[in-house]
Amino acid sequence: MASVTLSARSHCYGVPRNAACLWNTYEFQQGDIKGLKFGGGVTLRDGQLACCDMPAYSIPGYATVDLLAAYSPVQLNVNNLLDKNYYTGLNTQFNSAYLDFGMPRTFMGSIGVQF
């Protein structure tokens, strides 16, 4: 079986070098609004290289902001609050490039049921 050795400076195609996601929520514990919850988060991703073609193509990094509001059992999420245009991937083939677009601003609601 052959072994593969990667140096510390190696970079995989289609994978950002750095990525982070930070989220926080706050839920009221007392008073008339006990159980009301608010939250928000930021997702950050570095740019990434497309596969193998010469010269190598790349897409820029991006950041998105998300929010949530909930009052049990109802929850509303807003993803990509700032409606940022971004790309999640780039594929190259036969001297052509195909971009994968990120999701636009999205609203999603849910209702939880317990038995």
C-alpha atoms as a PDB file:
ATOM      1  CA  MET A   1       0.000   0.000   0.000  1.00  0.00           C
ATOM      2  CA  ALA A   2       1.403   3.387  -1.013  1.00  0.00           C
ATOM      3  CA  SER A   3       1.639   6.176   1.506  1.00  0.00           C
ATOM      4  CA  VAL A   4       0.939   9.830   0.834  1.00  0.00           C
ATOM      5  CA  THR A   5       2.965  12.538   2.526  1.00  0.00           C
ATOM      6  CA  LEU A   6       1.616  16.076   2.727  1.00  0.00           C
ATOM      7  CA  SER A   7       3.729  19.000   3.823  1.00  0.00           C
ATOM      8  CA  ALA A   8       2.434  21.625   6.235  1.00  0.00           C
ATOM      9  CA  ARG A   9       2.022  23.971   3.269  1.00  0.00           C
ATOM     10  CA  SER A  10      -0.060  21.518   1.225  1.00  0.00           C
ATOM     11  CA  HIS A  11      -3.532  22.654   0.323  1.00  0.00           C
ATOM     12  CA  CYS A  12      -6.410  20.446  -0.787  1.00  0.00           C
ATOM     13  CA  TYR A  13      -8.426  21.598  -3.778  1.00  0.00           C
ATOM     14  CA  GLY A  14     -12.039  22.571  -3.018  1.00  0.00           C
ATOM     15  CA  VAL A  15     -11.367  22.973   0.725  1.00  0.00           C
ATOM     16  CA  PRO A  16     -10.924  26.361   2.397  1.00  0.00           C
ATOM     17  CA  ARG A  17      -7.729  26.704   4.411  1.00  0.00           C
ATOM     18  CA  ASN A  18      -9.670  28.290   7.299  1.00  0.00           C
ATOM     19  CA  ALA A  19     -13.316  28.087   8.311  1.00  0.00           C
ATOM     20  CA  ALA A  20     -15.133  29.174  11.461  1.00  0.00           C
ATOM     21  CA  CYS A  21     -18.658  29.406  12.788  1.00  0.00           C
ATOM     22  CA  LEU A  22     -19.634  31.323  15.912  1.00  0.00           C
ATOM     23  CA  TRP A  23     -23.183  31.149  17.312  1.00  0.00           C
ATOM     24  CA  ASN A  24     -24.782  32.312  20.522  1.00  0.00           C
ATOM     25  CA  THR A  25     -28.312  32.275  21.927  1.00  0.00           C
ATOM     26  CA  TYR A  26     -30.020  33.910  24.858  1.00  0.00           C
ATOM     27  CA  GLU A  27     -33.207  32.615  26.474  1.00  0.00           C
ATOM     28  CA  PHE A  28     -35.195  34.660  28.978  1.00  0.00           C
ATOM     29  CA  GLN A  29     -35.596  32.734  32.239  1.00  0.00           C
ATOM     30  CA  GLN A  30     -38.056  34.934  34.155  1.00  0.00           C
ATOM     31  CA  GLY A  31     -41.061  37.195  33.743  1.00  0.00           C
ATOM     32  CA  ASP A  32     -43.751  37.369  31.114  1.00  0.00           C
ATOM     33  CA  ILE A  33     -41.341  36.522  28.301  1.00  0.00           C
ATOM     34  CA  LYS A  34     -39.844  33.431  29.953  1.00  0.00           C
ATOM     35  CA  GLY A  35     -38.887  30.997  27.208  1.00  0.00           C
ATOM     36  CA  LEU A  36     -38.367  33.668  24.520  1.00  0.00           C
ATOM     37  CA  LYS A  37     -35.067  32.988  22.760  1.00  0.00           C
ATOM     38  CA  PHE A  38     -32.922  35.079  20.405  1.00  0.00           C
ATOM     39  CA  GLY A  39     -29.720  34.035  18.719  1.00  0.00           C
ATOM     40  CA  GLY A  40     -27.306  34.876  15.987  1.00  0.00           C
ATOM     41  CA  GLY A  41     -24.200  33.636  14.321  1.00  0.00           C
ATOM     42  CA  VAL A  42     -21.504  34.272  11.761  1.00  0.00           C
ATOM     43  CA  THR A  43     -19.978  31.742   9.371  1.00  0.00           C
ATOM     44  CA  LEU A  44     -16.574  32.530   7.816  1.00  0.00           C
ATOM     45  CA  ARG A  45     -14.780  30.619   5.056  1.00  0.00           C
ATOM     46  CA  ASP A  46     -11.505  31.331   3.266  1.00  0.00           C
ATOM     47  CA  GLY A  47     -11.252  31.203  -0.500  1.00  0.00           C
ATOM     48  CA  GLN A  48     -10.612  27.849  -2.114  1.00  0.00           C
ATOM     49  CA  LEU A  49      -8.832  26.472  -5.160  1.00  0.00           C
ATOM     50  CA  ALA A  50     -10.616  24.571  -7.905  1.00  0.00           C
ATOM     51  CA  CYS A  51      -9.168  21.256  -8.958  1.00  0.00           C
ATOM     52  CA  CYS A  52      -5.969  20.794 -10.820  1.00  0.00           C
ATOM     53  CA  ASP A  53      -6.294  22.942 -13.964  1.00  0.00           C
ATOM     54  CA  MET A  54      -3.435  25.183 -14.953  1.00  0.00           C
ATOM     55  CA  PRO A  55      -3.627  27.973 -14.131  1.00  0.00           C
ATOM     56  CA  ALA A  56      -5.539  27.093 -10.997  1.00  0.00           C
ATOM     57  CA  TYR A  57      -8.833  28.922 -10.537  1.00  0.00           C
ATOM     58  CA  SER A  58     -10.012  30.093  -7.145  1.00  0.00           C
ATOM     59  CA  ILE A  59     -13.102  31.577  -5.510  1.00  0.00           C
ATOM     60  CA  PRO A  60     -13.055  34.235  -2.781  1.00  0.00           C
ATOM     61  CA  GLY A  61     -13.876  33.633   0.856  1.00  0.00           C
ATOM     62  CA  TYR A  62     -17.111  34.827   2.389  1.00  0.00           C
ATOM     63  CA  ALA A  63     -18.972  35.504   5.613  1.00  0.00           C
ATOM     64  CA  THR A  64     -22.703  35.079   6.296  1.00  0.00           C
ATOM     65  CA  VAL A  65     -24.841  36.230   9.228  1.00  0.00           C
ATOM     66  CA  ASP A  66     -27.763  34.184  10.578  1.00  0.00           C
ATOM     67  CA  LEU A  67     -30.448  34.964  13.178  1.00  0.00           C
ATOM     68  CA  LEU A  68     -33.067  33.031  15.106  1.00  0.00           C
ATOM     69  CA  ALA A  69     -36.031  33.887  17.293  1.00  0.00           C
ATOM     70  CA  ALA A  70     -38.069  31.284  19.161  1.00  0.00           C
ATOM     71  CA  TYR A  71     -40.877  31.064  21.626  1.00  0.00           C
ATOM     72  CA  SER A  72     -41.429  27.411  22.354  1.00  0.00           C
ATOM     73  CA  PRO A  73     -42.530  25.526  20.291  1.00  0.00           C
ATOM     74  CA  VAL A  74     -42.305  28.025  17.389  1.00  0.00           C
ATOM     75  CA  GLN A  75     -38.990  29.081  15.830  1.00  0.00           C
ATOM     76  CA  LEU A  76     -38.026  31.388  12.951  1.00  0.00           C
ATOM     77  CA  ASN A  77     -34.562  31.326  11.361  1.00  0.00           C
ATOM     78  CA  VAL A  78     -33.134  33.826   8.898  1.00  0.00           C
ATOM     79  CA  ASN A  79     -30.073  32.502   7.065  1.00  0.00           C
ATOM     80  CA  ASN A  80     -27.777  34.857   5.136  1.00  0.00           C
ATOM     81  CA  LEU A  81     -29.459  37.890   6.716  1.00  0.00           C
ATOM     82  CA  LEU A  82     -27.455  40.390   4.627  1.00  0.00           C
ATOM     83  CA  ASP A  83     -28.307  38.522   1.381  1.00  0.00           C
ATOM     84  CA  LYS A  84     -24.617  38.143   0.518  1.00  0.00           C
ATOM     85  CA  ASN A  85     -23.831  36.770  -2.958  1.00  0.00           C
ATOM     86  CA  TYR A  86     -21.162  34.092  -2.564  1.00  0.00           C
ATOM     87  CA  TYR A  87     -19.896  30.864  -4.095  1.00  0.00           C
ATOM     88  CA  THR A  88     -19.499  27.571  -2.271  1.00  0.00           C
ATOM     89  CA  GLY A  89     -17.549  25.727  -4.939  1.00  0.00           C
ATOM     90  CA  LEU A  90     -15.880  25.905  -8.331  1.00  0.00           C
ATOM     91  CA  ASN A  91     -15.495  22.946 -10.644  1.00  0.00           C
ATOM     92  CA  THR A  92     -13.386  23.067 -13.778  1.00  0.00           C
ATOM     93  CA  GLN A  93     -13.634  20.653 -16.639  1.00  0.00           C
ATOM     94  CA  PHE A  94     -12.681  20.771 -20.323  1.00  0.00           C
ATOM     95  CA  ASN A  95     -11.520  24.417 -20.142  1.00  0.00           C
ATOM     96  CA  SER A  96     -14.835  25.486 -18.567  1.00  0.00           C
ATOM     97  CA  ALA A  97     -15.675  26.558 -15.033  1.00  0.00           C
ATOM     98  CA  TYR A  98     -18.886  25.838 -13.132  1.00  0.00           C
ATOM     99  CA  LEU A  99     -19.715  27.878 -10.028  1.00  0.00           C
ATOM    100  CA  ASP A 100     -21.850  26.624  -7.149  1.00  0.00           C
ATOM    101  CA  PHE A 101     -23.816  29.561  -5.775  1.00  0.00           C
ATOM    102  CA  GLY A 102     -24.498  30.003  -2.048  1.00  0.00           C
ATOM    103  CA  MET A 103     -28.033  30.240  -0.712  1.00  0.00           C
ATOM    104  CA  PRO A 104     -29.694  33.671  -0.826  1.00  0.00           C
ATOM    105  CA  ARG A 105     -31.467  35.095   2.222  1.00  0.00           C
ATOM    106  CA  THR A 106     -33.731  32.321   3.477  1.00  0.00           C
ATOM    107  CA  PHE A 107     -36.545  32.354   6.035  1.00  0.00           C
ATOM    108  CA  MET A 108     -37.402  29.075   7.718  1.00  0.00           C
ATOM    109  CA  GLY A 109     -40.007  28.478  10.385  1.00  0.00           C
ATOM    110  CA  SER A 110     -40.673  25.394  12.471  1.00  0.00           C
ATOM    111  CA  ILE A 111     -43.117  24.155  15.065  1.00  0.00           C
ATOM    112  CA  GLY A 112     -41.991  21.437  17.466  1.00  0.00           C
ATOM    113  CA  VAL A 113     -44.347  18.805  18.863  1.00  0.00           C
ATOM    114  CA  GLN A 114     -43.618  16.566  21.862  1.00  0.00           C
ATOM    115  CA  PHE A 115     -45.482  13.365  22.692  1.00  0.00           C
END
